[in-house]
Amino acid sequence: MGAILDALDRLQKIERDLSRQRAKQAAYRRMIAKCQARIDTNQVEYDAHLDAVRRCQMGIDEADLDIKSREESMAKHRLALNAAKTNKDYAAILTALNTEKADTSKYESKVLELMAQKDELLGQSEVFEENNRKLRKRLEKSENELADFLDRTRGELELLEKAREDAAIEIAPSALSSFERVAKKHDGEAMAEVIRLGSRGDEHICDGCNMSVTLEVVNRLRSVDELVLCHTCGRILYLSTEPAPS
């Protein structure tokens, strides 16, 4: 390789180590984000669950008020029965009293139904709370693992970043810009070796995408020290130090 590709190759080795570090950090951060998303989902479901509990209680309170009102009304009807002067009045009051009793019985049944529903919901609350405890414990574990990883690798990361900075100084801005653009696209793997195939050595592929590389491109890499990109994946191509076939 010429001076330009040789300098880029040194930068590539450092960039590869940096990419591994970034990938590990990203994996920890994805796990943290995943745990937080699960906590958020569980909280939304729990809020809806608590709202259902509140609606049950409101229904119970409303039914209790209605029952109390009807009991007061029935007490008045009983007094009226004792004061009725005619059979017709007595019959009318008794009918009203029986209607109140029937309606009260319906509301009492509704209260019992709502109380049973509320008890069931309250039992499910423990499930949400236990899930929340487990998820928060998992989140804390993931956050601690990330913090521990950052502490363990801080020195190595600083050395790699300094080495990358030093290596980048040796490269022309235009070549460095191209390298960084391709590296960003391929997770730090900006360069790909041209691999020779076959016994005659006249077939070549890009080691990055396994697509064919023409002899014209190969001869260009042999003769000039400049950036040549794979026409398929866009990586910067280079030849190994292996001698070309005669």
C-alpha atoms as a PDB file:
ATOM      1  CA  MET A   1       0.000   0.000   0.000  1.00  0.00           C
ATOM      2  CA  GLY A   2       1.065   3.576  -0.616  1.00  0.00           C
ATOM      3  CA  ALA A   3       1.462   6.206   2.076  1.00  0.00           C
ATOM      4  CA  ILE A   4      -2.165   7.336   1.981  1.00  0.00           C
ATOM      5  CA  LEU A   5      -3.675   3.845   2.211  1.00  0.00           C
ATOM      6  CA  ASP A   6      -1.059   2.801   4.753  1.00  0.00           C
ATOM      7  CA  ALA A   7      -2.012   5.741   7.004  1.00  0.00           C
ATOM      8  CA  LEU A   8      -5.693   4.950   6.540  1.00  0.00           C
ATOM      9  CA  ASP A   9      -5.033   1.311   7.390  1.00  0.00           C
ATOM     10  CA  ARG A  10      -3.421   2.339  10.689  1.00  0.00           C
ATOM     11  CA  LEU A  11      -6.406   4.579  11.371  1.00  0.00           C
ATOM     12  CA  GLN A  12      -8.745   1.714  10.488  1.00  0.00           C
ATOM     13  CA  LYS A  13      -7.189  -0.560  13.119  1.00  0.00           C
ATOM     14  CA  ILE A  14      -7.720   2.107  15.803  1.00  0.00           C
ATOM     15  CA  GLU A  15     -11.229   2.868  14.506  1.00  0.00           C
ATOM     16  CA  ARG A  16     -12.090  -0.831  14.709  1.00  0.00           C
ATOM     17  CA  ASP A  17     -11.117  -0.948  18.395  1.00  0.00           C
ATOM     18  CA  LEU A  18     -13.067   2.238  19.056  1.00  0.00           C
ATOM     19  CA  SER A  19     -16.096   0.807  17.276  1.00  0.00           C
ATOM     20  CA  ARG A  20     -15.978  -2.278  19.483  1.00  0.00           C
ATOM     21  CA  GLN A  21     -15.948  -0.047  22.547  1.00  0.00           C
ATOM     22  CA  ARG A  22     -18.844   2.029  21.207  1.00  0.00           C
ATOM     23  CA  ALA A  23     -20.789  -1.122  20.291  1.00  0.00           C
ATOM     24  CA  LYS A  24     -20.475  -2.465  23.848  1.00  0.00           C
ATOM     25  CA  GLN A  25     -21.572   0.880  25.267  1.00  0.00           C
ATOM     26  CA  ALA A  26     -24.497   0.955  22.840  1.00  0.00           C
ATOM     27  CA  ALA A  27     -25.532  -2.577  23.883  1.00  0.00           C
ATOM     28  CA  TYR A  28     -25.664  -1.533  27.544  1.00  0.00           C
ATOM     29  CA  ARG A  29     -27.596   1.614  26.654  1.00  0.00           C
ATOM     30  CA  ARG A  30     -30.086  -0.375  24.549  1.00  0.00           C
ATOM     31  CA  MET A  31     -30.688  -2.687  27.495  1.00  0.00           C
ATOM     32  CA  ILE A  32     -31.268   0.322  29.763  1.00  0.00           C
ATOM     33  CA  ALA A  33     -33.666   1.863  27.222  1.00  0.00           C
ATOM     34  CA  LYS A  34     -35.477  -1.480  26.888  1.00  0.00           C
ATOM     35  CA  CYS A  35     -35.894  -1.753  30.671  1.00  0.00           C
ATOM     36  CA  GLN A  36     -37.138   1.835  30.892  1.00  0.00           C
ATOM     37  CA  ALA A  37     -39.626   1.226  28.072  1.00  0.00           C
ATOM     38  CA  ARG A  38     -40.987  -1.812  29.915  1.00  0.00           C
ATOM     39  CA  ILE A  39     -41.287   0.211  33.121  1.00  0.00           C
ATOM     40  CA  ASP A  40     -43.160   2.930  31.246  1.00  0.00           C
ATOM     41  CA  THR A  41     -45.506   0.380  29.646  1.00  0.00           C
ATOM     42  CA  ASN A  42     -46.145  -1.291  32.991  1.00  0.00           C
ATOM     43  CA  GLN A  43     -46.881   2.113  34.549  1.00  0.00           C
ATOM     44  CA  VAL A  44     -49.365   3.023  31.810  1.00  0.00           C
ATOM     45  CA  GLU A  45     -51.148  -0.310  32.332  1.00  0.00           C
ATOM     46  CA  TYR A  46     -51.047   0.162  36.108  1.00  0.00           C
ATOM     47  CA  ASP A  47     -52.514   3.666  35.817  1.00  0.00           C
ATOM     48  CA  ALA A  48     -55.375   2.264  33.718  1.00  0.00           C
ATOM     49  CA  HIS A  49     -55.812  -0.488  36.299  1.00  0.00           C
ATOM     50  CA  LEU A  50     -55.987   2.038  39.173  1.00  0.00           C
ATOM     51  CA  ASP A  51     -58.491   4.066  37.180  1.00  0.00           C
ATOM     52  CA  ALA A  52     -60.668   0.947  36.931  1.00  0.00           C
ATOM     53  CA  VAL A  53     -60.415   0.542  40.725  1.00  0.00           C
ATOM     54  CA  ARG A  54     -61.456   4.174  41.186  1.00  0.00           C
ATOM     55  CA  ARG A  55     -64.424   3.709  38.853  1.00  0.00           C
ATOM     56  CA  CYS A  56     -65.546   0.680  40.875  1.00  0.00           C
ATOM     57  CA  GLN A  57     -65.358   2.684  44.082  1.00  0.00           C
ATOM     58  CA  MET A  58     -67.278   5.566  42.506  1.00  0.00           C
ATOM     59  CA  GLY A  59     -69.962   3.102  41.422  1.00  0.00           C
ATOM     60  CA  ILE A  60     -70.115   1.672  44.945  1.00  0.00           C
ATOM     61  CA  ASP A  61     -70.370   5.152  46.490  1.00  0.00           C
ATOM     62  CA  GLU A  62     -73.121   6.193  44.075  1.00  0.00           C
ATOM     63  CA  ALA A  63     -75.084   2.991  44.703  1.00  0.00           C
ATOM     64  CA  ASP A  64     -74.692   3.406  48.480  1.00  0.00           C
ATOM     65  CA  LEU A  65     -76.097   6.927  48.259  1.00  0.00           C
ATOM     66  CA  ASP A  66     -79.001   5.665  46.170  1.00  0.00           C
ATOM     67  CA  ILE A  67     -79.674   2.862  48.670  1.00  0.00           C
ATOM     68  CA  LYS A  68     -79.579   5.323  51.563  1.00  0.00           C
ATOM     69  CA  SER A  69     -81.999   7.622  49.740  1.00  0.00           C
ATOM     70  CA  ARG A  70     -84.388   4.758  49.027  1.00  0.00           C
ATOM     71  CA  GLU A  71     -84.199   3.506  52.607  1.00  0.00           C
ATOM     72  CA  GLU A  72     -85.221   6.966  53.791  1.00  0.00           C
ATOM     73  CA  SER A  73     -88.050   6.927  51.263  1.00  0.00           C
ATOM     74  CA  MET A  74     -89.179   3.457  52.423  1.00  0.00           C
ATOM     75  CA  ALA A  75     -89.206   4.645  56.036  1.00  0.00           C
ATOM     76  CA  LYS A  76     -91.564   7.440  55.008  1.00  0.00           C
ATOM     77  CA  HIS A  77     -93.739   4.957  53.121  1.00  0.00           C
ATOM     78  CA  ARG A  78     -94.010   2.732  56.204  1.00  0.00           C
ATOM     79  CA  LEU A  79     -95.137   5.704  58.288  1.00  0.00           C
ATOM     80  CA  ALA A  80     -97.637   6.567  55.572  1.00  0.00           C
ATOM     81  CA  LEU A  81     -98.999   3.011  55.611  1.00  0.00           C
ATOM     82  CA  ASN A  82     -99.826   3.348  59.290  1.00  0.00           C
ATOM     83  CA  ALA A  83    -101.572   6.635  58.620  1.00  0.00           C
ATOM     84  CA  ALA A  84    -103.534   5.473  55.549  1.00  0.00           C
ATOM     85  CA  LYS A  85    -107.259   6.031  55.942  1.00  0.00           C
ATOM     86  CA  THR A  86    -108.573   4.117  52.935  1.00  0.00           C
ATOM     87  CA  ASN A  87    -107.757   0.820  51.279  1.00  0.00           C
ATOM     88  CA  LYS A  88    -106.958   2.669  48.061  1.00  0.00           C
ATOM     89  CA  ASP A  89    -104.389   4.883  49.783  1.00  0.00           C
ATOM     90  CA  TYR A  90    -102.936   1.860  51.578  1.00  0.00           C
ATOM     91  CA  ALA A  91    -102.599  -0.099  48.322  1.00  0.00           C
ATOM     92  CA  ALA A  92    -100.926   2.815  46.500  1.00  0.00           C
ATOM     93  CA  ILE A  93     -98.422   3.354  49.304  1.00  0.00           C
ATOM     94  CA  LEU A  94     -97.696  -0.378  49.541  1.00  0.00           C
ATOM     95  CA  THR A  95     -97.045  -0.539  45.792  1.00  0.00           C
ATOM     96  CA  ALA A  96     -94.604   2.382  46.050  1.00  0.00           C
ATOM     97  CA  LEU A  97     -92.913   0.727  49.026  1.00  0.00           C
ATOM     98  CA  ASN A  98     -92.499  -2.576  47.203  1.00  0.00           C
ATOM     99  CA  THR A  99     -91.088  -0.755  44.166  1.00  0.00           C
ATOM    100  CA  GLU A 100     -88.540   0.968  46.403  1.00  0.00           C
ATOM    101  CA  LYS A 101     -87.634  -2.394  47.961  1.00  0.00           C
ATOM    102  CA  ALA A 102     -87.117  -3.978  44.520  1.00  0.00           C
ATOM    103  CA  ASP A 103     -84.968  -1.068  43.333  1.00  0.00           C
ATOM    104  CA  THR A 104     -82.981  -1.139  46.570  1.00  0.00           C
ATOM    105  CA  SER A 105     -82.346  -4.852  46.115  1.00  0.00           C
ATOM    106  CA  LYS A 106     -81.014  -4.166  42.607  1.00  0.00           C
ATOM    107  CA  TYR A 107     -78.614  -1.522  43.907  1.00  0.00           C
ATOM    108  CA  GLU A 108     -77.485  -3.809  46.735  1.00  0.00           C
ATOM    109  CA  SER A 109     -76.713  -6.508  44.164  1.00  0.00           C
ATOM    110  CA  LYS A 110     -74.821  -3.927  42.108  1.00  0.00           C
ATOM    111  CA  VAL A 111     -72.781  -2.940  45.160  1.00  0.00           C
ATOM    112  CA  LEU A 112     -71.878  -6.575  45.833  1.00  0.00           C
ATOM    113  CA  GLU A 113     -70.887  -7.051  42.190  1.00  0.00           C
ATOM    114  CA  LEU A 114     -68.736  -3.900  42.181  1.00  0.00           C
ATOM    115  CA  MET A 115     -67.106  -4.838  45.486  1.00  0.00           C
ATOM    116  CA  ALA A 116     -66.177  -8.259  44.103  1.00  0.00           C
ATOM    117  CA  GLN A 117     -64.789  -6.611  40.964  1.00  0.00           C
ATOM    118  CA  LYS A 118     -62.824  -4.137  43.062  1.00  0.00           C
ATOM    119  CA  ASP A 119     -61.367  -6.924  45.244  1.00  0.00           C
ATOM    120  CA  GLU A 120     -60.270  -8.778  42.111  1.00  0.00           C
ATOM    121  CA  LEU A 121     -58.628  -5.646  40.728  1.00  0.00           C
ATOM    122  CA  LEU A 122     -56.868  -4.947  44.029  1.00  0.00           C
ATOM    123  CA  GLY A 123     -55.512  -8.491  43.934  1.00  0.00           C
ATOM    124  CA  GLN A 124     -54.094  -7.792  40.475  1.00  0.00           C
ATOM    125  CA  SER A 125     -52.430  -4.627  41.794  1.00  0.00           C
ATOM    126  CA  GLU A 126     -49.835  -6.801  43.504  1.00  0.00           C
ATOM    127  CA  VAL A 127     -48.860  -8.228  40.118  1.00  0.00           C
ATOM    128  CA  PHE A 128     -48.249  -4.752  38.675  1.00  0.00           C
ATOM    129  CA  GLU A 129     -46.300  -3.684  41.748  1.00  0.00           C
ATOM    130  CA  GLU A 130     -44.168  -6.839  41.692  1.00  0.00           C
ATOM    131  CA  ASN A 131     -43.469  -6.375  37.968  1.00  0.00           C
ATOM    132  CA  ASN A 132     -42.461  -2.784  38.641  1.00  0.00           C
ATOM    133  CA  ARG A 133     -40.063  -3.868  41.403  1.00  0.00           C
ATOM    134  CA  LYS A 134     -38.476  -6.501  39.140  1.00  0.00           C
ATOM    135  CA  LEU A 135     -38.162  -4.095  36.204  1.00  0.00           C
ATOM    136  CA  ARG A 136     -36.613  -1.363  38.332  1.00  0.00           C
ATOM    137  CA  LYS A 137     -34.184  -3.852  39.807  1.00  0.00           C
ATOM    138  CA  ARG A 138     -33.229  -4.928  36.273  1.00  0.00           C
ATOM    139  CA  LEU A 139     -32.854  -1.287  35.225  1.00  0.00           C
ATOM    140  CA  GLU A 140     -30.607  -0.572  38.196  1.00  0.00           C
ATOM    141  CA  LYS A 141     -28.496  -3.635  37.349  1.00  0.00           C
ATOM    142  CA  SER A 142     -28.108  -2.511  33.718  1.00  0.00           C
ATOM    143  CA  GLU A 143     -27.185   1.022  34.767  1.00  0.00           C
ATOM    144  CA  ASN A 144     -24.587  -0.333  37.202  1.00  0.00           C
ATOM    145  CA  GLU A 145     -23.160  -2.598  34.504  1.00  0.00           C
ATOM    146  CA  LEU A 146     -22.789   0.361  32.138  1.00  0.00           C
ATOM    147  CA  ALA A 147     -21.164   2.502  34.840  1.00  0.00           C
ATOM    148  CA  ASP A 148     -18.771  -0.361  35.668  1.00  0.00           C
ATOM    149  CA  PHE A 149     -17.907  -0.860  31.993  1.00  0.00           C
ATOM    150  CA  LEU A 150     -17.227   2.858  31.520  1.00  0.00           C
ATOM    151  CA  ASP A 151     -14.990   2.899  34.610  1.00  0.00           C
ATOM    152  CA  ARG A 152     -13.049  -0.174  33.458  1.00  0.00           C
ATOM    153  CA  THR A 153     -12.521   1.040  29.907  1.00  0.00           C
ATOM    154  CA  ARG A 154     -12.113   4.785  30.461  1.00  0.00           C
ATOM    155  CA  GLY A 155      -8.309   4.639  30.325  1.00  0.00           C
ATOM    156  CA  GLU A 156      -8.274   2.403  27.263  1.00  0.00           C
ATOM    157  CA  LEU A 157     -10.811   4.604  25.507  1.00  0.00           C
ATOM    158  CA  GLU A 158      -8.771   7.739  26.189  1.00  0.00           C
ATOM    159  CA  LEU A 159      -5.661   6.058  24.753  1.00  0.00           C
ATOM    160  CA  LEU A 160      -7.564   4.945  21.657  1.00  0.00           C
ATOM    161  CA  GLU A 161      -9.012   8.406  21.105  1.00  0.00           C
ATOM    162  CA  LYS A 162      -5.532   9.952  21.470  1.00  0.00           C
ATOM    163  CA  ALA A 163      -4.079   7.375  19.069  1.00  0.00           C
ATOM    164  CA  ARG A 164      -6.854   8.089  16.577  1.00  0.00           C
ATOM    165  CA  GLU A 165      -6.229  11.809  16.844  1.00  0.00           C
ATOM    166  CA  ASP A 166      -2.496  11.277  16.214  1.00  0.00           C
ATOM    167  CA  ALA A 167      -3.155   8.937  13.276  1.00  0.00           C
ATOM    168  CA  ALA A 168      -5.661  11.346  11.723  1.00  0.00           C
ATOM    169  CA  ILE A 169      -3.083  14.166  11.688  1.00  0.00           C
ATOM    170  CA  GLU A 170      -1.037  12.226   9.128  1.00  0.00           C
ATOM    171  CA  ILE A 171      -3.956  12.013   6.676  1.00  0.00           C
ATOM    172  CA  ALA A 172      -5.030  14.691   4.206  1.00  0.00           C
ATOM    173  CA  PRO A 173      -8.381  16.300   5.150  1.00  0.00           C
ATOM    174  CA  SER A 174     -10.128  15.093   1.971  1.00  0.00           C
ATOM    175  CA  ALA A 175      -9.031  11.479   2.521  1.00  0.00           C
ATOM    176  CA  LEU A 176      -9.909  11.672   6.214  1.00  0.00           C
ATOM    177  CA  SER A 177     -13.350  13.041   5.395  1.00  0.00           C
ATOM    178  CA  SER A 178     -13.997  10.184   2.960  1.00  0.00           C
ATOM    179  CA  PHE A 179     -12.773   7.641   5.506  1.00  0.00           C
ATOM    180  CA  GLU A 180     -15.033   8.998   8.266  1.00  0.00           C
ATOM    181  CA  ARG A 181     -18.051   9.077   5.961  1.00  0.00           C
ATOM    182  CA  VAL A 182     -17.571   5.429   4.930  1.00  0.00           C
ATOM    183  CA  ALA A 183     -16.727   4.345   8.505  1.00  0.00           C
ATOM    184  CA  LYS A 184     -19.971   5.863   9.764  1.00  0.00           C
ATOM    185  CA  LYS A 185     -21.927   3.946   7.132  1.00  0.00           C
ATOM    186  CA  HIS A 186     -20.257   0.587   7.917  1.00  0.00           C
ATOM    187  CA  ASP A 187     -19.901   0.700  11.720  1.00  0.00           C
ATOM    188  CA  GLY A 188     -16.240   1.686  11.664  1.00  0.00           C
ATOM    189  CA  GLU A 189     -15.213  -0.673   8.837  1.00  0.00           C
ATOM    190  CA  ALA A 190     -14.248   1.866   6.206  1.00  0.00           C
ATOM    191  CA  MET A 191     -11.671  -0.270   4.399  1.00  0.00           C
ATOM    192  CA  ALA A 192     -11.870  -3.633   2.669  1.00  0.00           C
ATOM    193  CA  GLU A 193      -9.115  -5.779   1.250  1.00  0.00           C
ATOM    194  CA  VAL A 194      -9.283  -6.952  -2.352  1.00  0.00           C
ATOM    195  CA  ILE A 195      -9.096 -10.769  -2.280  1.00  0.00           C
ATOM    196  CA  ARG A 196      -7.619 -12.689  -5.195  1.00  0.00           C
ATOM    197  CA  LEU A 197      -9.484 -15.830  -6.288  1.00  0.00           C
ATOM    198  CA  GLY A 198      -8.693 -18.719  -8.596  1.00  0.00           C
ATOM    199  CA  SER A 199      -5.428 -20.320  -9.611  1.00  0.00           C
ATOM    200  CA  ARG A 200      -4.721 -17.729 -12.286  1.00  0.00           C
ATOM    201  CA  GLY A 201      -5.299 -14.848  -9.888  1.00  0.00           C
ATOM    202  CA  ASP A 202      -7.339 -12.834 -12.353  1.00  0.00           C
ATOM    203  CA  GLU A 203     -10.547 -12.860 -10.302  1.00  0.00           C
ATOM    204  CA  HIS A 204     -10.936 -10.552  -7.321  1.00  0.00           C
ATOM    205  CA  ILE A 205     -13.635  -9.688  -4.806  1.00  0.00           C
ATOM    206  CA  CYS A 206     -14.176  -7.028  -2.152  1.00  0.00           C
ATOM    207  CA  ASP A 207     -13.709  -8.601   1.279  1.00  0.00           C
ATOM    208  CA  GLY A 208     -16.367  -6.256   2.645  1.00  0.00           C
ATOM    209  CA  CYS A 209     -19.289  -7.264   0.436  1.00  0.00           C
ATOM    210  CA  ASN A 210     -17.919 -10.279  -1.523  1.00  0.00           C
ATOM    211  CA  MET A 211     -18.770  -8.621  -4.829  1.00  0.00           C
ATOM    212  CA  SER A 212     -16.382  -8.791  -7.786  1.00  0.00           C
ATOM    213  CA  VAL A 213     -13.671  -6.188  -8.328  1.00  0.00           C
ATOM    214  CA  THR A 214     -12.499  -5.581 -11.890  1.00  0.00           C
ATOM    215  CA  LEU A 215      -8.891  -5.963 -13.013  1.00  0.00           C
ATOM    216  CA  GLU A 216      -8.976  -2.295 -13.957  1.00  0.00           C
ATOM    217  CA  VAL A 217      -9.588  -1.399 -10.296  1.00  0.00           C
ATOM    218  CA  VAL A 218      -6.909  -3.865  -9.132  1.00  0.00           C
ATOM    219  CA  ASN A 219      -4.322  -2.411 -11.525  1.00  0.00           C
ATOM    220  CA  ARG A 220      -5.264   1.080 -10.380  1.00  0.00           C
ATOM    221  CA  LEU A 221      -4.619   0.095  -6.770  1.00  0.00           C
ATOM    222  CA  ARG A 222      -1.242  -1.342  -7.804  1.00  0.00           C
ATOM    223  CA  SER A 223      -0.169   1.739  -9.673  1.00  0.00           C
ATOM    224  CA  VAL A 224      -1.478   4.771  -7.737  1.00  0.00           C
ATOM    225  CA  ASP A 225      -1.692   5.781  -4.099  1.00  0.00           C
ATOM    226  CA  GLU A 226      -5.212   7.151  -3.875  1.00  0.00           C
ATOM    227  CA  LEU A 227      -8.657   6.276  -2.572  1.00  0.00           C
ATOM    228  CA  VAL A 228     -10.530   3.757  -4.708  1.00  0.00           C
ATOM    229  CA  LEU A 229     -14.002   2.787  -3.540  1.00  0.00           C
ATOM    230  CA  CYS A 230     -15.835  -0.482  -4.044  1.00  0.00           C
ATOM    231  CA  HIS A 231     -18.541   0.148  -6.629  1.00  0.00           C
ATOM    232  CA  THR A 232     -20.977  -1.991  -4.580  1.00  0.00           C
ATOM    233  CA  CYS A 233     -20.507  -1.225  -0.873  1.00  0.00           C
ATOM    234  CA  GLY A 234     -18.500   1.995  -1.092  1.00  0.00           C
ATOM    235  CA  ARG A 235     -15.657   0.832   1.178  1.00  0.00           C
ATOM    236  CA  ILE A 236     -12.110   2.037   0.548  1.00  0.00           C
ATOM    237  CA  LEU A 237     -10.287  -0.780  -1.242  1.00  0.00           C
ATOM    238  CA  TYR A 238      -6.693  -1.845  -0.673  1.00  0.00           C
ATOM    239  CA  LEU A 239      -4.410  -4.675  -1.730  1.00  0.00           C
ATOM    240  CA  SER A 240      -2.521  -6.850   0.706  1.00  0.00           C
ATOM    241  CA  THR A 241       1.261  -6.931   0.684  1.00  0.00           C
ATOM    242  CA  GLU A 242       1.067 -10.238  -1.172  1.00  0.00           C
ATOM    243  CA  PRO A 243       2.847  -9.895  -4.524  1.00  0.00           C
ATOM    244  CA  ALA A 244       0.705  -9.741  -7.628  1.00  0.00           C
ATOM    245  CA  PRO A 245       0.696 -12.815  -9.917  1.00  0.00           C
ATOM    246  CA  SER A 246       3.204 -12.723 -12.745  1.00  0.00           C
END
